[in-house]
Amino acid sequence: MGEGIWGFPEGSGHVPGMEFVGYRVEATDGTIGKIDEHSEDVGRSHIVVDTGPWIFGHRRLIPAGAVSRIDHEQQAVYLDCSKEQIKEAPDFEQGRYDDATVRLIEQHYANPHM
């Protein structure tokens, strides 16, 4: 994971500059939604998932390090975390990507008991 939890892992299938908004997102135990946006910012790469009705339309910002694989042919992104871990993650509010939000997300995904 070149940049800790904020970098796409080597071998994940991430191709810099390739658009994958709209791809289906799969947790380790099932589908959770679709990619609403993604960022390739150095040291802060992430995806934003629109969970749809699964958790009442919430959006979750997920660090790129949680991506295990991107299948461009099937238009799917596979994560190394469960639905429950994503459900319990902090809400992501559009335009709110400040240091406090980033720290909450880091703490959530770095927690080893998840």
PDB file of N, CA and C in Angstrom:
ATOM      1  N   MET A   1       0.831  -1.189   0.000  1.00  0.00           N
ATOM      2  CA  MET A   1       0.000   0.000   0.000  1.00  0.00           C
ATOM      3  C   MET A   1       0.864   1.236   0.000  1.00  0.00           C
ATOM      4  N   GLY A   2       1.641   1.480  -0.927  1.00  0.00           N
ATOM      5  CA  GLY A   2       2.591   2.551  -0.980  1.00  0.00           C
ATOM      6  C   GLY A   2       2.410   3.721  -0.040  1.00  0.00           C
ATOM      7  N   GLU A   3       1.228   4.204   0.184  1.00  0.00           N
ATOM      8  CA  GLU A   3       0.999   5.387   1.012  1.00  0.00           C
ATOM      9  C   GLU A   3       0.097   5.046   2.199  1.00  0.00           C
ATOM     10  N   GLY A   4       0.306   3.903   2.811  1.00  0.00           N
ATOM     11  CA  GLY A   4      -0.539   3.504   3.926  1.00  0.00           C
ATOM     12  C   GLY A   4      -1.964   3.287   3.459  1.00  0.00           C
ATOM     13  N   ILE A   5      -2.917   3.663   4.300  1.00  0.00           N
ATOM     14  CA  ILE A   5      -4.317   3.413   3.917  1.00  0.00           C
ATOM     15  C   ILE A   5      -4.812   4.357   2.829  1.00  0.00           C
ATOM     16  N   TRP A   6      -4.037   5.375   2.493  1.00  0.00           N
ATOM     17  CA  TRP A   6      -4.477   6.359   1.491  1.00  0.00           C
ATOM     18  C   TRP A   6      -3.906   6.102   0.094  1.00  0.00           C
ATOM     19  N   GLY A   7      -3.275   4.955  -0.127  1.00  0.00           N
ATOM     20  CA  GLY A   7      -2.744   4.636  -1.446  1.00  0.00           C
ATOM     21  C   GLY A   7      -3.342   3.349  -1.981  1.00  0.00           C
ATOM     22  N   PHE A   8      -3.605   3.289  -3.273  1.00  0.00           N
ATOM     23  CA  PHE A   8      -4.105   2.058  -3.876  1.00  0.00           C
ATOM     24  C   PHE A   8      -3.009   0.996  -3.786  1.00  0.00           C
ATOM     25  N   PRO A   9      -3.344  -0.199  -3.318  1.00  0.00           N
ATOM     26  CA  PRO A   9      -2.337  -1.250  -3.203  1.00  0.00           C
ATOM     27  C   PRO A   9      -1.789  -1.671  -4.574  1.00  0.00           C
ATOM     28  N   GLU A  10      -0.517  -2.053  -4.589  1.00  0.00           N
ATOM     29  CA  GLU A  10       0.057  -2.602  -5.814  1.00  0.00           C
ATOM     30  C   GLU A  10      -0.714  -3.862  -6.177  1.00  0.00           C
ATOM     31  N   GLY A  11      -0.949  -4.054  -7.451  1.00  0.00           N
ATOM     32  CA  GLY A  11      -1.662  -5.237  -7.912  1.00  0.00           C
ATOM     33  C   GLY A  11      -3.175  -5.148  -7.799  1.00  0.00           C
ATOM     34  N   SER A  12      -3.688  -3.977  -7.383  1.00  0.00           N
ATOM     35  CA  SER A  12      -5.143  -3.833  -7.223  1.00  0.00           C
ATOM     36  C   SER A  12      -5.866  -3.623  -8.553  1.00  0.00           C
ATOM     37  N   GLY A  13      -5.105  -3.297  -9.577  1.00  0.00           N
ATOM     38  CA  GLY A  13      -5.733  -3.013 -10.869  1.00  0.00           C
ATOM     39  C   GLY A  13      -6.012  -1.536 -11.070  1.00  0.00           C
ATOM     40  N   HIS A  14      -5.587  -0.719 -10.112  1.00  0.00           N
ATOM     41  CA  HIS A  14      -5.776   0.726 -10.259  1.00  0.00           C
ATOM     42  C   HIS A  14      -4.876   1.244 -11.365  1.00  0.00           C
ATOM     43  N   VAL A  15      -5.470   1.979 -12.288  1.00  0.00           N
ATOM     44  CA  VAL A  15      -4.736   2.595 -13.381  1.00  0.00           C
ATOM     45  C   VAL A  15      -4.886   4.104 -13.212  1.00  0.00           C
ATOM     46  N   PRO A  16      -3.785   4.807 -12.900  1.00  0.00           N
ATOM     47  CA  PRO A  16      -3.893   6.254 -12.707  1.00  0.00           C
ATOM     48  C   PRO A  16      -4.590   6.935 -13.883  1.00  0.00           C
ATOM     49  N   GLY A  17      -5.523   7.806 -13.556  1.00  0.00           N
ATOM     50  CA  GLY A  17      -6.253   8.556 -14.565  1.00  0.00           C
ATOM     51  C   GLY A  17      -7.477   7.857 -15.131  1.00  0.00           C
ATOM     52  N   MET A  18      -7.652   6.583 -14.822  1.00  0.00           N
ATOM     53  CA  MET A  18      -8.815   5.861 -15.344  1.00  0.00           C
ATOM     54  C   MET A  18     -10.040   6.165 -14.497  1.00  0.00           C
ATOM     55  N   GLU A  19     -11.135   6.457 -15.144  1.00  0.00           N
ATOM     56  CA  GLU A  19     -12.388   6.794 -14.464  1.00  0.00           C
ATOM     57  C   GLU A  19     -13.121   5.526 -14.060  1.00  0.00           C
ATOM     58  N   PHE A  20     -13.566   5.452 -12.809  1.00  0.00           N
ATOM     59  CA  PHE A  20     -14.373   4.309 -12.398  1.00  0.00           C
ATOM     60  C   PHE A  20     -15.583   4.709 -11.570  1.00  0.00           C
ATOM     61  N   VAL A  21     -16.059   5.935 -11.746  1.00  0.00           N
ATOM     62  CA  VAL A  21     -17.322   6.366 -11.151  1.00  0.00           C
ATOM     63  C   VAL A  21     -18.424   5.495 -11.755  1.00  0.00           C
ATOM     64  N   GLY A  22     -19.329   5.035 -10.910  1.00  0.00           N
ATOM     65  CA  GLY A  22     -20.426   4.183 -11.348  1.00  0.00           C
ATOM     66  C   GLY A  22     -20.156   2.704 -11.177  1.00  0.00           C
ATOM     67  N   TYR A  23     -18.907   2.325 -10.896  1.00  0.00           N
ATOM     68  CA  TYR A  23     -18.594   0.909 -10.685  1.00  0.00           C
ATOM     69  C   TYR A  23     -19.310   0.410  -9.433  1.00  0.00           C
ATOM     70  N   ARG A  24     -19.721  -0.845  -9.464  1.00  0.00           N
ATOM     71  CA  ARG A  24     -20.316  -1.526  -8.311  1.00  0.00           C
ATOM     72  C   ARG A  24     -19.217  -1.748  -7.264  1.00  0.00           C
ATOM     73  N   VAL A  25     -19.587  -1.646  -5.980  1.00  0.00           N
ATOM     74  CA  VAL A  25     -18.618  -1.836  -4.895  1.00  0.00           C
ATOM     75  C   VAL A  25     -19.012  -3.062  -4.084  1.00  0.00           C
ATOM     76  N   GLU A  26     -18.048  -3.969  -3.922  1.00  0.00           N
ATOM     77  CA  GLU A  26     -18.262  -5.222  -3.212  1.00  0.00           C
ATOM     78  C   GLU A  26     -17.413  -5.263  -1.939  1.00  0.00           C
ATOM     79  N   ALA A  27     -18.075  -5.392  -0.797  1.00  0.00           N
ATOM     80  CA  ALA A  27     -17.376  -5.645   0.461  1.00  0.00           C
ATOM     81  C   ALA A  27     -17.041  -7.133   0.485  1.00  0.00           C
ATOM     82  N   THR A  28     -16.370  -7.595   1.527  1.00  0.00           N
ATOM     83  CA  THR A  28     -16.017  -9.016   1.618  1.00  0.00           C
ATOM     84  C   THR A  28     -17.255  -9.899   1.709  1.00  0.00           C
ATOM     85  N   ASP A  29     -18.389  -9.311   2.110  1.00  0.00           N
ATOM     86  CA  ASP A  29     -19.614 -10.101   2.286  1.00  0.00           C
ATOM     87  C   ASP A  29     -20.798  -9.598   1.474  1.00  0.00           C
ATOM     88  N   GLY A  30     -20.524  -8.914   0.370  1.00  0.00           N
ATOM     89  CA  GLY A  30     -21.616  -8.522  -0.515  1.00  0.00           C
ATOM     90  C   GLY A  30     -21.535  -7.104  -1.045  1.00  0.00           C
ATOM     91  N   THR A  31     -22.458  -6.784  -1.927  1.00  0.00           N
ATOM     92  CA  THR A  31     -22.519  -5.474  -2.586  1.00  0.00           C
ATOM     93  C   THR A  31     -22.949  -4.385  -1.602  1.00  0.00           C
ATOM     94  N   ILE A  32     -22.305  -3.221  -1.685  1.00  0.00           N
ATOM     95  CA  ILE A  32     -22.664  -2.117  -0.790  1.00  0.00           C
ATOM     96  C   ILE A  32     -23.125  -0.863  -1.524  1.00  0.00           C
ATOM     97  N   GLY A  33     -22.897  -0.779  -2.816  1.00  0.00           N
ATOM     98  CA  GLY A  33     -23.321   0.419  -3.542  1.00  0.00           C
ATOM     99  C   GLY A  33     -22.496   0.632  -4.788  1.00  0.00           C
ATOM    100  N   LYS A  34     -22.409   1.906  -5.184  1.00  0.00           N
ATOM    101  CA  LYS A  34     -21.667   2.286  -6.386  1.00  0.00           C
ATOM    102  C   LYS A  34     -20.727   3.438  -6.066  1.00  0.00           C
ATOM    103  N   ILE A  35     -19.652   3.523  -6.854  1.00  0.00           N
ATOM    104  CA  ILE A  35     -18.688   4.619  -6.714  1.00  0.00           C
ATOM    105  C   ILE A  35     -19.370   5.909  -7.164  1.00  0.00           C
ATOM    106  N   ASP A  36     -19.389   6.886  -6.277  1.00  0.00           N
ATOM    107  CA  ASP A  36     -19.968   8.192  -6.575  1.00  0.00           C
ATOM    108  C   ASP A  36     -18.881   9.157  -7.057  1.00  0.00           C
ATOM    109  N   GLU A  37     -17.692   9.003  -6.498  1.00  0.00           N
ATOM    110  CA  GLU A  37     -16.532   9.798  -6.918  1.00  0.00           C
ATOM    111  C   GLU A  37     -15.276   9.110  -6.402  1.00  0.00           C
ATOM    112  N   HIS A  38     -14.142   9.522  -6.954  1.00  0.00           N
ATOM    113  CA  HIS A  38     -12.871   9.001  -6.458  1.00  0.00           C
ATOM    114  C   HIS A  38     -11.808  10.064  -6.621  1.00  0.00           C
ATOM    115  N   SER A  39     -10.751   9.908  -5.838  1.00  0.00           N
ATOM    116  CA  SER A  39      -9.658  10.869  -5.876  1.00  0.00           C
ATOM    117  C   SER A  39      -8.343  10.117  -5.943  1.00  0.00           C
ATOM    118  N   GLU A  40      -7.417  10.661  -6.682  1.00  0.00           N
ATOM    119  CA  GLU A  40      -6.072  10.110  -6.767  1.00  0.00           C
ATOM    120  C   GLU A  40      -5.076  11.056  -6.117  1.00  0.00           C
ATOM    121  N   ASP A  41      -5.539  11.910  -5.218  1.00  0.00           N
ATOM    122  CA  ASP A  41      -4.645  12.841  -4.540  1.00  0.00           C
ATOM    123  C   ASP A  41      -3.527  12.067  -3.855  1.00  0.00           C
ATOM    124  N   VAL A  42      -2.303  12.501  -4.044  1.00  0.00           N
ATOM    125  CA  VAL A  42      -1.164  11.837  -3.421  1.00  0.00           C
ATOM    126  C   VAL A  42      -1.306  11.924  -1.908  1.00  0.00           C
ATOM    127  N   GLY A  43      -1.236  10.784  -1.249  1.00  0.00           N
ATOM    128  CA  GLY A  43      -1.367  10.734   0.202  1.00  0.00           C
ATOM    129  C   GLY A  43      -2.792  10.802   0.716  1.00  0.00           C
ATOM    130  N   ARG A  44      -3.779  10.894  -0.161  1.00  0.00           N
ATOM    131  CA  ARG A  44      -5.187  10.937   0.240  1.00  0.00           C
ATOM    132  C   ARG A  44      -6.101  10.324  -0.811  1.00  0.00           C
ATOM    133  N   SER A  45      -5.624   9.329  -1.531  1.00  0.00           N
ATOM    134  CA  SER A  45      -6.472   8.680  -2.538  1.00  0.00           C
ATOM    135  C   SER A  45      -7.612   7.948  -1.846  1.00  0.00           C
ATOM    136  N   HIS A  46      -8.787   8.038  -2.438  1.00  0.00           N
ATOM    137  CA  HIS A  46      -9.963   7.420  -1.818  1.00  0.00           C
ATOM    138  C   HIS A  46     -11.072   7.242  -2.842  1.00  0.00           C
ATOM    139  N   ILE A  47     -12.096   6.495  -2.420  1.00  0.00           N
ATOM    140  CA  ILE A  47     -13.326   6.396  -3.193  1.00  0.00           C
ATOM    141  C   ILE A  47     -14.464   6.872  -2.287  1.00  0.00           C
ATOM    142  N   VAL A  48     -15.513   7.379  -2.901  1.00  0.00           N
ATOM    143  CA  VAL A  48     -16.723   7.737  -2.169  1.00  0.00           C
ATOM    144  C   VAL A  48     -17.817   6.831  -2.720  1.00  0.00           C
ATOM    145  N   VAL A  49     -18.449   6.085  -1.805  1.00  0.00           N
ATOM    146  CA  VAL A  49     -19.461   5.111  -2.188  1.00  0.00           C
ATOM    147  C   VAL A  49     -20.839   5.616  -1.782  1.00  0.00           C
ATOM    148  N   ASP A  50     -21.745   5.621  -2.748  1.00  0.00           N
ATOM    149  CA  ASP A  50     -23.151   5.904  -2.464  1.00  0.00           C
ATOM    150  C   ASP A  50     -23.777   4.561  -2.126  1.00  0.00           C
ATOM    151  N   THR A  51     -24.175   4.390  -0.876  1.00  0.00           N
ATOM    152  CA  THR A  51     -24.685   3.105  -0.411  1.00  0.00           C
ATOM    153  C   THR A  51     -26.149   2.879  -0.793  1.00  0.00           C
ATOM    154  N   GLY A  52     -26.778   3.883  -1.392  1.00  0.00           N
ATOM    155  CA  GLY A  52     -28.175   3.718  -1.802  1.00  0.00           C
ATOM    156  C   GLY A  52     -29.048   3.362  -0.612  1.00  0.00           C
ATOM    157  N   PRO A  53     -30.070   2.560  -0.824  1.00  0.00           N
ATOM    158  CA  PRO A  53     -31.002   2.244   0.257  1.00  0.00           C
ATOM    159  C   PRO A  53     -30.423   1.303   1.322  1.00  0.00           C
ATOM    160  N   TRP A  54     -29.251   0.694   1.030  1.00  0.00           N
ATOM    161  CA  TRP A  54     -28.683  -0.281   1.958  1.00  0.00           C
ATOM    162  C   TRP A  54     -28.518   0.309   3.359  1.00  0.00           C
ATOM    163  N   ILE A  55     -27.956   1.487   3.477  1.00  0.00           N
ATOM    164  CA  ILE A  55     -27.917   2.169   4.777  1.00  0.00           C
ATOM    165  C   ILE A  55     -28.525   3.564   4.610  1.00  0.00           C
ATOM    166  N   PHE A  56     -29.677   3.575   4.016  1.00  0.00           N
ATOM    167  CA  PHE A  56     -30.498   4.776   3.870  1.00  0.00           C
ATOM    168  C   PHE A  56     -29.814   5.907   3.114  1.00  0.00           C
ATOM    169  N   GLY A  57     -29.121   5.568   2.054  1.00  0.00           N
ATOM    170  CA  GLY A  57     -28.579   6.569   1.152  1.00  0.00           C
ATOM    171  C   GLY A  57     -27.377   7.330   1.658  1.00  0.00           C
ATOM    172  N   HIS A  58     -26.667   6.800   2.618  1.00  0.00           N
ATOM    173  CA  HIS A  58     -25.475   7.474   3.101  1.00  0.00           C
ATOM    174  C   HIS A  58     -24.318   7.299   2.129  1.00  0.00           C
ATOM    175  N   ARG A  59     -23.385   8.229   2.228  1.00  0.00           N
ATOM    176  CA  ARG A  59     -22.169   8.143   1.431  1.00  0.00           C
ATOM    177  C   ARG A  59     -21.026   7.869   2.389  1.00  0.00           C
ATOM    178  N   ARG A  60     -20.096   7.040   1.955  1.00  0.00           N
ATOM    179  CA  ARG A  60     -18.939   6.697   2.763  1.00  0.00           C
ATOM    180  C   ARG A  60     -17.673   6.962   1.969  1.00  0.00           C
ATOM    181  N   LEU A  61     -16.730   7.660   2.603  1.00  0.00           N
ATOM    182  CA  LEU A  61     -15.415   7.862   2.035  1.00  0.00           C
ATOM    183  C   LEU A  61     -14.554   6.701   2.514  1.00  0.00           C
ATOM    184  N   ILE A  62     -13.983   5.966   1.580  1.00  0.00           N
ATOM    185  CA  ILE A  62     -13.196   4.783   1.903  1.00  0.00           C
ATOM    186  C   ILE A  62     -11.782   4.986   1.370  1.00  0.00           C
ATOM    187  N   PRO A  63     -10.787   4.887   2.239  1.00  0.00           N
ATOM    188  CA  PRO A  63      -9.397   5.052   1.793  1.00  0.00           C
ATOM    189  C   PRO A  63      -9.040   4.041   0.703  1.00  0.00           C
ATOM    190  N   ALA A  64      -8.203   4.467  -0.228  1.00  0.00           N
ATOM    191  CA  ALA A  64      -7.810   3.607  -1.343  1.00  0.00           C
ATOM    192  C   ALA A  64      -7.147   2.316  -0.880  1.00  0.00           C
ATOM    193  N   GLY A  65      -6.518   2.321   0.281  1.00  0.00           N
ATOM    194  CA  GLY A  65      -5.856   1.125   0.796  1.00  0.00           C
ATOM    195  C   GLY A  65      -6.809  -0.004   1.113  1.00  0.00           C
ATOM    196  N   ALA A  66      -8.110   0.286   1.229  1.00  0.00           N
ATOM    197  CA  ALA A  66      -9.111  -0.755   1.491  1.00  0.00           C
ATOM    198  C   ALA A  66      -9.545  -1.467   0.211  1.00  0.00           C
ATOM    199  N   VAL A  67      -9.090  -0.964  -0.936  1.00  0.00           N
ATOM    200  CA  VAL A  67      -9.433  -1.583  -2.219  1.00  0.00           C
ATOM    201  C   VAL A  67      -8.497  -2.765  -2.446  1.00  0.00           C
ATOM    202  N   SER A  68      -9.072  -3.935  -2.627  1.00  0.00           N
ATOM    203  CA  SER A  68      -8.228  -5.102  -2.904  1.00  0.00           C
ATOM    204  C   SER A  68      -8.053  -5.319  -4.402  1.00  0.00           C
ATOM    205  N   ARG A  69      -9.111  -4.972  -5.166  1.00  0.00           N
ATOM    206  CA  ARG A  69      -9.056  -5.253  -6.593  1.00  0.00           C
ATOM    207  C   ARG A  69     -10.069  -4.402  -7.335  1.00  0.00           C
ATOM    208  N   ILE A  70      -9.681  -3.942  -8.515  1.00  0.00           N
ATOM    209  CA  ILE A  70     -10.583  -3.228  -9.409  1.00  0.00           C
ATOM    210  C   ILE A  70     -10.700  -4.057 -10.683  1.00  0.00           C
ATOM    211  N   ASP A  71     -11.912  -4.452 -11.020  1.00  0.00           N
ATOM    212  CA  ASP A  71     -12.157  -5.242 -12.219  1.00  0.00           C
ATOM    213  C   ASP A  71     -12.837  -4.325 -13.227  1.00  0.00           C
ATOM    214  N   HIS A  72     -12.040  -3.797 -14.162  1.00  0.00           N
ATOM    215  CA  HIS A  72     -12.575  -2.843 -15.129  1.00  0.00           C
ATOM    216  C   HIS A  72     -13.535  -3.504 -16.113  1.00  0.00           C
ATOM    217  N   GLU A  73     -13.306  -4.761 -16.432  1.00  0.00           N
ATOM    218  CA  GLU A  73     -14.193  -5.467 -17.355  1.00  0.00           C
ATOM    219  C   GLU A  73     -15.592  -5.635 -16.752  1.00  0.00           C
ATOM    220  N   GLN A  74     -15.663  -6.001 -15.468  1.00  0.00           N
ATOM    221  CA  GLN A  74     -16.942  -6.189 -14.778  1.00  0.00           C
ATOM    222  C   GLN A  74     -17.450  -4.896 -14.130  1.00  0.00           C
ATOM    223  N   GLN A  75     -16.660  -3.833 -14.213  1.00  0.00           N
ATOM    224  CA  GLN A  75     -16.970  -2.543 -13.590  1.00  0.00           C
ATOM    225  C   GLN A  75     -17.312  -2.722 -12.117  1.00  0.00           C
ATOM    226  N   ALA A  76     -16.365  -3.327 -11.398  1.00  0.00           N
ATOM    227  CA  ALA A  76     -16.552  -3.597  -9.971  1.00  0.00           C
ATOM    228  C   ALA A  76     -15.273  -3.292  -9.203  1.00  0.00           C
ATOM    229  N   VAL A  77     -15.457  -2.791  -7.979  1.00  0.00           N
ATOM    230  CA  VAL A  77     -14.356  -2.532  -7.058  1.00  0.00           C
ATOM    231  C   VAL A  77     -14.580  -3.414  -5.840  1.00  0.00           C
ATOM    232  N   TYR A  78     -13.563  -4.183  -5.482  1.00  0.00           N
ATOM    233  CA  TYR A  78     -13.646  -5.106  -4.351  1.00  0.00           C
ATOM    234  C   TYR A  78     -12.840  -4.551  -3.187  1.00  0.00           C
ATOM    235  N   LEU A  79     -13.433  -4.604  -1.991  1.00  0.00           N
ATOM    236  CA  LEU A  79     -12.803  -4.058  -0.792  1.00  0.00           C
ATOM    237  C   LEU A  79     -12.344  -5.164   0.150  1.00  0.00           C
ATOM    238  N   ASP A  80     -11.406  -4.817   1.009  1.00  0.00           N
ATOM    239  CA  ASP A  80     -10.916  -5.726   2.051  1.00  0.00           C
ATOM    240  C   ASP A  80     -11.605  -5.444   3.378  1.00  0.00           C
ATOM    241  N   CYS A  81     -12.873  -5.081   3.352  1.00  0.00           N
ATOM    242  CA  CYS A  81     -13.601  -4.816   4.593  1.00  0.00           C
ATOM    243  C   CYS A  81     -15.049  -5.277   4.425  1.00  0.00           C
ATOM    244  N   SER A  82     -15.692  -5.482   5.546  1.00  0.00           N
ATOM    245  CA  SER A  82     -17.054  -6.015   5.543  1.00  0.00           C
ATOM    246  C   SER A  82     -18.103  -4.905   5.411  1.00  0.00           C
ATOM    247  N   LYS A  83     -19.330  -5.335   5.129  1.00  0.00           N
ATOM    248  CA  LYS A  83     -20.446  -4.393   5.089  1.00  0.00           C
ATOM    249  C   LYS A  83     -20.595  -3.680   6.424  1.00  0.00           C
ATOM    250  N   GLU A  84     -20.453  -4.429   7.509  1.00  0.00           N
ATOM    251  CA  GLU A  84     -20.614  -3.846   8.844  1.00  0.00           C
ATOM    252  C   GLU A  84     -19.577  -2.760   9.099  1.00  0.00           C
ATOM    253  N   GLN A  85     -18.333  -2.994   8.688  1.00  0.00           N
ATOM    254  CA  GLN A  85     -17.293  -1.989   8.884  1.00  0.00           C
ATOM    255  C   GLN A  85     -17.623  -0.715   8.102  1.00  0.00           C
ATOM    256  N   ILE A  86     -18.132  -0.870   6.908  1.00  0.00           N
ATOM    257  CA  ILE A  86     -18.497   0.297   6.106  1.00  0.00           C
ATOM    258  C   ILE A  86     -19.720   0.989   6.699  1.00  0.00           C
ATOM    259  N   LYS A  87     -20.684   0.204   7.148  1.00  0.00           N
ATOM    260  CA  LYS A  87     -21.887   0.773   7.761  1.00  0.00           C
ATOM    261  C   LYS A  87     -21.543   1.603   8.995  1.00  0.00           C
ATOM    262  N   GLU A  88     -20.559   1.143   9.782  1.00  0.00           N
ATOM    263  CA  GLU A  88     -20.169   1.844  11.007  1.00  0.00           C
ATOM    264  C   GLU A  88     -19.186   2.984  10.777  1.00  0.00           C
ATOM    265  N   ALA A  89     -18.741   3.171   9.552  1.00  0.00           N
ATOM    266  CA  ALA A  89     -17.792   4.241   9.230  1.00  0.00           C
ATOM    267  C   ALA A  89     -18.473   5.609   9.356  1.00  0.00           C
ATOM    268  N   PRO A  90     -17.673   6.653   9.574  1.00  0.00           N
ATOM    269  CA  PRO A  90     -18.254   8.005   9.647  1.00  0.00           C
ATOM    270  C   PRO A  90     -18.936   8.386   8.337  1.00  0.00           C
ATOM    271  N   ASP A  91     -20.044   9.130   8.439  1.00  0.00           N
ATOM    272  CA  ASP A  91     -20.709   9.648   7.246  1.00  0.00           C
ATOM    273  C   ASP A  91     -19.771  10.602   6.526  1.00  0.00           C
ATOM    274  N   PHE A  92     -19.912  10.659   5.223  1.00  0.00           N
ATOM    275  CA  PHE A  92     -19.141  11.614   4.435  1.00  0.00           C
ATOM    276  C   PHE A  92     -20.092  12.661   3.909  1.00  0.00           C
ATOM    277  N   GLU A  93     -19.855  13.899   4.301  1.00  0.00           N
ATOM    278  CA  GLU A  93     -20.673  15.011   3.838  1.00  0.00           C
ATOM    279  C   GLU A  93     -19.970  15.680   2.674  1.00  0.00           C
ATOM    280  N   GLN A  94     -20.713  15.921   1.599  1.00  0.00           N
ATOM    281  CA  GLN A  94     -20.164  16.551   0.413  1.00  0.00           C
ATOM    282  C   GLN A  94     -19.404  17.814   0.788  1.00  0.00           C
ATOM    283  N   GLY A  95     -18.190  17.939   0.301  1.00  0.00           N
ATOM    284  CA  GLY A  95     -17.394  19.127   0.543  1.00  0.00           C
ATOM    285  C   GLY A  95     -16.684  19.156   1.883  1.00  0.00           C
ATOM    286  N   ARG A  96     -16.940  18.176   2.733  1.00  0.00           N
ATOM    287  CA  ARG A  96     -16.278  18.170   4.048  1.00  0.00           C
ATOM    288  C   ARG A  96     -15.174  17.119   4.048  1.00  0.00           C
ATOM    289  N   TYR A  97     -13.988  17.597   3.826  1.00  0.00           N
ATOM    290  CA  TYR A  97     -12.829  16.719   3.759  1.00  0.00           C
ATOM    291  C   TYR A  97     -11.703  17.393   4.529  1.00  0.00           C
ATOM    292  N   ASP A  98     -12.028  17.781   5.760  1.00  0.00           N
ATOM    293  CA  ASP A  98     -11.054  18.480   6.591  1.00  0.00           C
ATOM    294  C   ASP A  98     -10.223  17.485   7.399  1.00  0.00           C
ATOM    295  N   ASP A  99      -9.244  17.989   8.138  1.00  0.00           N
ATOM    296  CA  ASP A  99      -8.338  17.125   8.904  1.00  0.00           C
ATOM    297  C   ASP A  99      -9.067  16.280   9.939  1.00  0.00           C
ATOM    298  N   ALA A 100     -10.099  16.834  10.576  1.00  0.00           N
ATOM    299  CA  ALA A 100     -10.839  16.075  11.592  1.00  0.00           C
ATOM    300  C   ALA A 100     -11.558  14.889  10.960  1.00  0.00           C
ATOM    301  N   THR A 101     -12.162  15.089   9.802  1.00  0.00           N
ATOM    302  CA  THR A 101     -12.847  14.006   9.098  1.00  0.00           C
ATOM    303  C   THR A 101     -11.852  12.933   8.675  1.00  0.00           C
ATOM    304  N   VAL A 102     -10.714  13.360   8.155  1.00  0.00           N
ATOM    305  CA  VAL A 102      -9.681  12.419   7.722  1.00  0.00           C
ATOM    306  C   VAL A 102      -9.198  11.585   8.910  1.00  0.00           C
ATOM    307  N   ARG A 103      -8.979  12.206  10.057  1.00  0.00           N
ATOM    308  CA  ARG A 103      -8.529  11.469  11.246  1.00  0.00           C
ATOM    309  C   ARG A 103      -9.572  10.437  11.692  1.00  0.00           C
ATOM    310  N   LEU A 104     -10.848  10.808  11.675  1.00  0.00           N
ATOM    311  CA  LEU A 104     -11.910   9.854  12.028  1.00  0.00           C
ATOM    312  C   LEU A 104     -11.904   8.651  11.091  1.00  0.00           C
ATOM    313  N   ILE A 105     -11.750   8.899   9.820  1.00  0.00           N
ATOM    314  CA  ILE A 105     -11.734   7.821   8.833  1.00  0.00           C
ATOM    315  C   ILE A 105     -10.502   6.947   9.027  1.00  0.00           C
ATOM    316  N   GLU A 106      -9.351   7.566   9.247  1.00  0.00           N
ATOM    317  CA  GLU A 106      -8.125   6.804   9.493  1.00  0.00           C
ATOM    318  C   GLU A 106      -8.277   5.916  10.722  1.00  0.00           C
ATOM    319  N   GLN A 107      -8.813   6.465  11.786  1.00  0.00           N
ATOM    320  CA  GLN A 107      -8.997   5.681  13.010  1.00  0.00           C
ATOM    321  C   GLN A 107      -9.942   4.512  12.769  1.00  0.00           C
ATOM    322  N   HIS A 108     -11.007   4.753  12.040  1.00  0.00           N
ATOM    323  CA  HIS A 108     -11.991   3.694  11.785  1.00  0.00           C
ATOM    324  C   HIS A 108     -11.371   2.533  10.995  1.00  0.00           C
ATOM    325  N   TYR A 109     -10.715   2.841   9.887  1.00  0.00           N
ATOM    326  CA  TYR A 109     -10.184   1.773   9.034  1.00  0.00           C
ATOM    327  C   TYR A 109      -8.877   1.179   9.543  1.00  0.00           C
ATOM    328  N   ALA A 110      -8.199   1.862  10.440  1.00  0.00           N
ATOM    329  CA  ALA A 110      -6.967   1.329  11.018  1.00  0.00           C
ATOM    330  C   ALA A 110      -7.234   0.467  12.247  1.00  0.00           C
ATOM    331  N   ASN A 111      -8.471   0.460  12.729  1.00  0.00           N
ATOM    332  CA  ASN A 111      -8.827  -0.291  13.936  1.00  0.00           C
ATOM    333  C   ASN A 111      -8.730  -1.787  13.634  1.00  0.00           C
ATOM    334  N   PRO A 112      -7.812  -2.505  14.290  1.00  0.00           N
ATOM    335  CA  PRO A 112      -7.574  -3.894  13.950  1.00  0.00           C
ATOM    336  C   PRO A 112      -8.701  -4.859  14.270  1.00  0.00           C
ATOM    337  N   HIS A 113      -9.654  -4.493  15.123  1.00  0.00           N
ATOM    338  CA  HIS A 113     -10.724  -5.443  15.467  1.00  0.00           C
ATOM    339  C   HIS A 113     -11.819  -5.496  14.406  1.00  0.00           C
ATOM    340  N   MET A 114     -11.750  -4.644  13.389  1.00  0.00           N
ATOM    341  CA  MET A 114     -12.793  -4.626  12.354  1.00  0.00           C
ATOM    342  C   MET A 114     -12.557  -5.717  11.336  1.00  0.00           C
TER     343      MET A 114
END
